[in-house]
C-alpha atoms as a PDB file:
ATOM      1  CA  MET A   1     -56.032 -60.988 -41.073  1.00  0.00           C
ATOM      2  CA  ILE A   2     -59.647 -61.764 -41.897  1.00  0.00           C
ATOM      3  CA  LYS A   3     -59.402 -59.439 -44.897  1.00  0.00           C
ATOM      4  CA  PHE A   4     -56.388 -61.431 -46.157  1.00  0.00           C
ATOM      5  CA  TRP A   5     -58.174 -64.791 -45.892  1.00  0.00           C
ATOM      6  CA  LYS A   6     -61.339 -63.481 -47.563  1.00  0.00           C
ATOM      7  CA  LYS A   7     -59.240 -62.278 -50.480  1.00  0.00           C
ATOM      8  CA  ARG A   8     -57.330 -65.568 -50.564  1.00  0.00           C
ATOM      9  CA  ILE A   9     -60.525 -67.631 -50.645  1.00  0.00           C
ATOM     10  CA  LYS A  10     -62.049 -65.399 -53.306  1.00  0.00           C
ATOM     11  CA  LEU A  11     -59.003 -65.320 -55.626  1.00  0.00           C
ATOM     12  CA  GLY A  12     -57.404 -68.681 -54.875  1.00  0.00           C
ATOM     13  CA  THR A  13     -53.699 -69.279 -55.024  1.00  0.00           C
ATOM     14  CA  LEU A  14     -51.881 -66.756 -57.177  1.00  0.00           C
ATOM     15  CA  THR A  15     -48.360 -67.035 -58.526  1.00  0.00           C
ATOM     16  CA  GLU A  16     -46.065 -64.248 -59.532  1.00  0.00           C
ATOM     17  CA  ASP A  17     -45.157 -65.449 -62.996  1.00  0.00           C
ATOM     18  CA  LEU A  18     -47.553 -67.791 -64.792  1.00  0.00           C
ATOM     19  CA  GLU A  19     -45.285 -67.945 -67.839  1.00  0.00           C
ATOM     20  CA  PHE A  20     -42.342 -69.086 -65.734  1.00  0.00           C
ATOM     21  CA  ASP A  21     -44.543 -71.644 -63.960  1.00  0.00           C
ATOM     22  CA  THR A  22     -45.211 -73.428 -67.259  1.00  0.00           C
ATOM     23  CA  GLN A  23     -41.542 -73.062 -68.224  1.00  0.00           C
ATOM     24  CA  LEU A  24     -40.522 -74.424 -64.805  1.00  0.00           C
ATOM     25  CA  ASN A  25     -42.726 -77.483 -65.297  1.00  0.00           C
ATOM     26  CA  GLU A  26     -40.977 -78.216 -68.604  1.00  0.00           C
ATOM     27  CA  ILE A  27     -37.537 -77.655 -67.057  1.00  0.00           C
ATOM     28  CA  GLN A  28     -38.385 -79.918 -64.119  1.00  0.00           C
ATOM     29  CA  LYS A  29     -39.582 -82.686 -66.434  1.00  0.00           C
ATOM     30  CA  GLU A  30     -36.389 -82.496 -68.478  1.00  0.00           C
ATOM     31  CA  ILE A  31     -34.205 -82.452 -65.341  1.00  0.00           C
ATOM     32  CA  LYS A  32     -36.022 -85.494 -63.978  1.00  0.00           C
ATOM     33  CA  ASP A  33     -35.483 -87.339 -67.272  1.00  0.00           C
ATOM     34  CA  HIS A  34     -31.753 -86.498 -67.361  1.00  0.00           C
ATOM     35  CA  VAL A  35     -31.254 -87.461 -63.702  1.00  0.00           C
ATOM     36  CA  HIS A  36     -33.093 -90.725 -64.301  1.00  0.00           C
ATOM     37  CA  LYS A  37     -30.991 -91.602 -67.366  1.00  0.00           C
ATOM     38  CA  LYS A  38     -27.565 -90.349 -66.309  1.00  0.00           C
ATOM     39  CA  PHE A  39     -27.609 -90.898 -62.539  1.00  0.00           C
ATOM     40  CA  ALA A  40     -30.041 -93.805 -62.125  1.00  0.00           C
ATOM     41  CA  GLY A  41     -32.670 -91.475 -60.686  1.00  0.00           C
ATOM     42  CA  SER A  42     -30.627 -89.797 -57.949  1.00  0.00           C
ATOM     43  CA  LEU A  43     -28.139 -86.916 -58.280  1.00  0.00           C
ATOM     44  CA  ALA A  44     -26.318 -86.090 -55.050  1.00  0.00           C
ATOM     45  CA  ILE A  45     -24.855 -82.603 -54.688  1.00  0.00           C
ATOM     46  CA  ARG A  46     -22.337 -81.538 -52.048  1.00  0.00           C
ATOM     47  CA  MET A  47     -22.502 -77.780 -51.522  1.00  0.00           C
ATOM     48  CA  VAL A  48     -19.131 -76.333 -50.509  1.00  0.00           C
ATOM     49  CA  ASP A  49     -18.679 -72.748 -49.368  1.00  0.00           C
ATOM     50  CA  SER A  50     -15.133 -71.595 -50.024  1.00  0.00           C
ATOM     51  CA  GLY A  51     -15.526 -68.139 -48.505  1.00  0.00           C
ATOM     52  CA  SER A  52     -18.818 -66.594 -49.555  1.00  0.00           C
ATOM     53  CA  CYS A  53     -21.252 -64.093 -48.077  1.00  0.00           C
ATOM     54  CA  ASN A  54     -23.869 -66.917 -47.883  1.00  0.00           C
ATOM     55  CA  ALA A  55     -26.208 -65.318 -50.422  1.00  0.00           C
ATOM     56  CA  CYS A  56     -25.740 -68.245 -52.831  1.00  0.00           C
ATOM     57  CA  GLU A  57     -26.443 -70.711 -50.022  1.00  0.00           C
ATOM     58  CA  ALA A  58     -29.652 -68.865 -49.155  1.00  0.00           C
ATOM     59  CA  GLU A  59     -30.798 -69.136 -52.769  1.00  0.00           C
ATOM     60  CA  CYS A  60     -29.943 -72.849 -52.780  1.00  0.00           C
ATOM     61  CA  ASN A  61     -32.023 -73.309 -49.641  1.00  0.00           C
ATOM     62  CA  ALA A  62     -35.009 -72.074 -51.635  1.00  0.00           C
ATOM     63  CA  LEU A  63     -34.552 -75.027 -54.006  1.00  0.00           C
ATOM     64  CA  SER A  64     -35.863 -77.312 -51.262  1.00  0.00           C
ATOM     65  CA  ASN A  65     -39.122 -75.423 -50.762  1.00  0.00           C
ATOM     66  CA  PRO A  66     -42.391 -76.815 -52.187  1.00  0.00           C
ATOM     67  CA  TYR A  67     -42.324 -74.483 -55.211  1.00  0.00           C
ATOM     68  CA  TYR A  68     -39.017 -75.718 -56.671  1.00  0.00           C
ATOM     69  CA  ASP A  69     -38.777 -79.054 -54.791  1.00  0.00           C
ATOM     70  CA  LEU A  70     -35.558 -80.473 -56.249  1.00  0.00           C
ATOM     71  CA  GLU A  71     -35.879 -83.659 -54.225  1.00  0.00           C
ATOM     72  CA  ARG A  72     -38.987 -84.569 -56.202  1.00  0.00           C
ATOM     73  CA  LEU A  73     -36.758 -84.465 -59.298  1.00  0.00           C
ATOM     74  CA  GLY A  74     -34.177 -86.801 -57.773  1.00  0.00           C
ATOM     75  CA  ILE A  75     -31.648 -84.109 -56.794  1.00  0.00           C
ATOM     76  CA  TYR A  76     -30.433 -84.191 -53.204  1.00  0.00           C
ATOM     77  CA  PHE A  77     -28.021 -82.076 -51.185  1.00  0.00           C
ATOM     78  CA  VAL A  78     -25.807 -84.390 -49.137  1.00  0.00           C
ATOM     79  CA  ALA A  79     -23.655 -83.741 -46.088  1.00  0.00           C
ATOM     80  CA  SER A  80     -20.682 -85.881 -47.073  1.00  0.00           C
ATOM     81  CA  PRO A  81     -18.596 -85.545 -50.221  1.00  0.00           C
ATOM     82  CA  ARG A  82     -18.298 -89.348 -50.221  1.00  0.00           C
ATOM     83  CA  HIS A  83     -21.999 -89.543 -51.078  1.00  0.00           C
ATOM     84  CA  ALA A  84     -21.890 -86.872 -53.777  1.00  0.00           C
ATOM     85  CA  ASP A  85     -21.762 -86.929 -57.554  1.00  0.00           C
ATOM     86  CA  VAL A  86     -21.287 -83.180 -57.975  1.00  0.00           C
ATOM     87  CA  MET A  87     -19.593 -80.444 -55.966  1.00  0.00           C
ATOM     88  CA  LEU A  88     -21.495 -77.144 -56.024  1.00  0.00           C
ATOM     89  CA  LEU A  89     -18.874 -74.539 -55.126  1.00  0.00           C
ATOM     90  CA  SER A  90     -19.802 -71.063 -53.966  1.00  0.00           C
ATOM     91  CA  GLY A  91     -17.696 -68.206 -52.689  1.00  0.00           C
ATOM     92  CA  ILE A  92     -14.306 -66.846 -53.499  1.00  0.00           C
ATOM     93  CA  MET A  93     -11.483 -69.350 -53.064  1.00  0.00           C
ATOM     94  CA  THR A  94      -9.740 -68.103 -49.941  1.00  0.00           C
ATOM     95  CA  PHE A  95      -6.269 -69.075 -48.750  1.00  0.00           C
ATOM     96  CA  ASN A  96      -7.702 -70.809 -45.671  1.00  0.00           C
ATOM     97  CA  MET A  97     -10.461 -72.737 -47.460  1.00  0.00           C
ATOM     98  CA  THR A  98      -8.570 -73.905 -50.571  1.00  0.00           C
ATOM     99  CA  PRO A  99      -7.043 -77.032 -48.923  1.00  0.00           C
ATOM    100  CA  HIS A 100     -10.443 -78.002 -47.498  1.00  0.00           C
ATOM    101  CA  VAL A 101     -12.168 -77.559 -50.859  1.00  0.00           C
ATOM    102  CA  LEU A 102      -9.501 -79.691 -52.547  1.00  0.00           C
ATOM    103  CA  GLU A 103      -9.851 -82.351 -49.854  1.00  0.00           C
ATOM    104  CA  ALA A 104     -13.637 -82.423 -50.312  1.00  0.00           C
ATOM    105  CA  TYR A 105     -13.138 -82.757 -54.075  1.00  0.00           C
ATOM    106  CA  LYS A 106     -10.727 -85.690 -53.570  1.00  0.00           C
ATOM    107  CA  GLN A 107     -13.326 -87.470 -51.432  1.00  0.00           C
ATOM    108  CA  ILE A 108     -16.027 -87.383 -54.121  1.00  0.00           C
ATOM    109  CA  PRO A 109     -16.031 -90.739 -55.936  1.00  0.00           C
ATOM    110  CA  GLU A 110     -15.413 -90.912 -59.686  1.00  0.00           C
ATOM    111  CA  PRO A 111     -16.985 -89.797 -61.965  1.00  0.00           C
ATOM    112  CA  LYS A 112     -17.286 -86.365 -60.387  1.00  0.00           C
ATOM    113  CA  TRP A 113     -17.998 -82.843 -61.558  1.00  0.00           C
ATOM    114  CA  VAL A 114     -17.653 -79.325 -60.183  1.00  0.00           C
ATOM    115  CA  ILE A 115     -20.251 -76.625 -60.744  1.00  0.00           C
ATOM    116  CA  THR A 116     -19.341 -73.137 -59.590  1.00  0.00           C
ATOM    117  CA  LEU A 117     -22.166 -70.985 -58.292  1.00  0.00           C
ATOM    118  CA  GLY A 118     -22.200 -67.202 -58.305  1.00  0.00           C
ATOM    119  CA  ASP A 119     -19.657 -64.699 -59.521  1.00  0.00           C
ATOM    120  CA  CYS A 120     -17.109 -65.205 -56.742  1.00  0.00           C
ATOM    121  CA  PRO A 121     -15.560 -68.564 -57.791  1.00  0.00           C
ATOM    122  CA  ALA A 122     -15.019 -67.187 -61.297  1.00  0.00           C
ATOM    123  CA  MET A 123     -13.464 -63.982 -59.882  1.00  0.00           C
ATOM    124  CA  GLN A 124     -16.139 -61.847 -61.482  1.00  0.00           C
ATOM    125  CA  ALA A 125     -16.760 -60.228 -58.126  1.00  0.00           C
ATOM    126  CA  PRO A 126     -14.970 -56.992 -57.170  1.00  0.00           C
ATOM    127  CA  PHE A 127     -11.989 -58.685 -55.528  1.00  0.00           C
ATOM    128  CA  ASP A 128      -8.317 -58.215 -56.282  1.00  0.00           C
ATOM    129  CA  LYS A 129      -6.064 -61.240 -56.283  1.00  0.00           C
ATOM    130  CA  ASN A 130      -3.838 -61.127 -53.190  1.00  0.00           C
ATOM    131  CA  PHE A 131      -2.299 -63.466 -50.629  1.00  0.00           C
ATOM    132  CA  ALA A 132      -5.697 -64.327 -49.098  1.00  0.00           C
ATOM    133  CA  ILE A 133      -7.564 -64.997 -52.371  1.00  0.00           C
ATOM    134  CA  LYS A 134      -6.759 -68.041 -54.489  1.00  0.00           C
ATOM    135  CA  SER A 135      -9.457 -67.597 -57.140  1.00  0.00           C
ATOM    136  CA  PRO A 136     -10.544 -68.345 -59.778  1.00  0.00           C
ATOM    137  CA  ALA A 137     -11.650 -71.849 -58.838  1.00  0.00           C
ATOM    138  CA  GLU A 138     -10.780 -73.246 -62.256  1.00  0.00           C
ATOM    139  CA  GLU A 139      -7.090 -72.834 -61.385  1.00  0.00           C
ATOM    140  CA  HIS A 140      -7.531 -75.482 -58.673  1.00  0.00           C
ATOM    141  CA  LEU A 141     -10.439 -77.654 -59.839  1.00  0.00           C
ATOM    142  CA  PRO A 142     -11.763 -78.965 -63.169  1.00  0.00           C
ATOM    143  CA  VAL A 143     -14.904 -76.832 -63.415  1.00  0.00           C
ATOM    144  CA  ALA A 144     -17.528 -78.518 -65.594  1.00  0.00           C
ATOM    145  CA  HIS A 145     -20.130 -75.736 -65.483  1.00  0.00           C
ATOM    146  CA  HIS A 146     -20.595 -72.231 -64.091  1.00  0.00           C
ATOM    147  CA  ILE A 147     -23.858 -70.640 -62.921  1.00  0.00           C
ATOM    148  CA  ALA A 148     -23.409 -66.868 -63.013  1.00  0.00           C
ATOM    149  CA  GLY A 149     -25.072 -64.267 -60.808  1.00  0.00           C
ATOM    150  CA  CYS A 150     -24.536 -62.453 -57.548  1.00  0.00           C
ATOM    151  CA  PRO A 151     -26.363 -64.352 -56.214  1.00  0.00           C
ATOM    152  CA  PRO A 152     -28.124 -66.370 -58.891  1.00  0.00           C
ATOM    153  CA  ASP A 153     -31.798 -66.761 -58.068  1.00  0.00           C
ATOM    154  CA  PRO A 154     -33.339 -70.247 -57.801  1.00  0.00           C
ATOM    155  CA  LYS A 155     -34.659 -69.989 -61.373  1.00  0.00           C
ATOM    156  CA  GLU A 156     -31.141 -69.442 -62.698  1.00  0.00           C
ATOM    157  CA  ILE A 157     -29.745 -72.244 -60.527  1.00  0.00           C
ATOM    158  CA  ILE A 158     -32.320 -74.693 -61.872  1.00  0.00           C
ATOM    159  CA  LYS A 159     -31.608 -73.584 -65.446  1.00  0.00           C
ATOM    160  CA  GLY A 160     -27.880 -73.963 -64.727  1.00  0.00           C
ATOM    161  CA  ILE A 161     -28.347 -77.487 -63.393  1.00  0.00           C
ATOM    162  CA  LEU A 162     -30.298 -78.348 -66.537  1.00  0.00           C
ATOM    163  CA  SER A 163     -27.517 -76.877 -68.723  1.00  0.00           C
ATOM    164  CA  PHE A 164     -24.982 -78.972 -66.816  1.00  0.00           C
ATOM    165  CA  LEU A 165     -27.064 -82.135 -67.262  1.00  0.00           C
ATOM    166  CA  ARG A 166     -27.377 -81.472 -70.996  1.00  0.00           C
ATOM    167  CA  LYS A 167     -23.610 -80.939 -71.239  1.00  0.00           C
ATOM    168  CA  ILE A 168     -22.456 -84.195 -69.658  1.00  0.00           C
END
């Protein structure tokens, strides 16, 4: 452990990708500007899992860490759809979860948008359509934007949020 701290003191804080760090700063500035202009400084997202393996949720959890820090940009994950502006939908639309997803969507006040996260809601995952699977999500909801990946890493999620903000 002493060897680790000596190295840390000698080298300082190192990041994995210096190029992405500068790119991330630009992306974060642009996101903050869009959120400020289009949502009066606060974008509330309701994350809904419609039958996923939780990999997308784990990547979204990383968005709250000090490196990405979405809350500093004015983006918050909320517990109630009544407080949300956007539904972030992950997972394959299952028979059991479809009514709950639709109910959560109904509870989001207007104007509202749906962003699908990962390959499952778009049926790009290796699933066959059967009685238990009601995907793709766009058959049930008006999807405004899709963030691809299985799972998409936090970098791709942030870029996807920026693409969505540019689009609306």
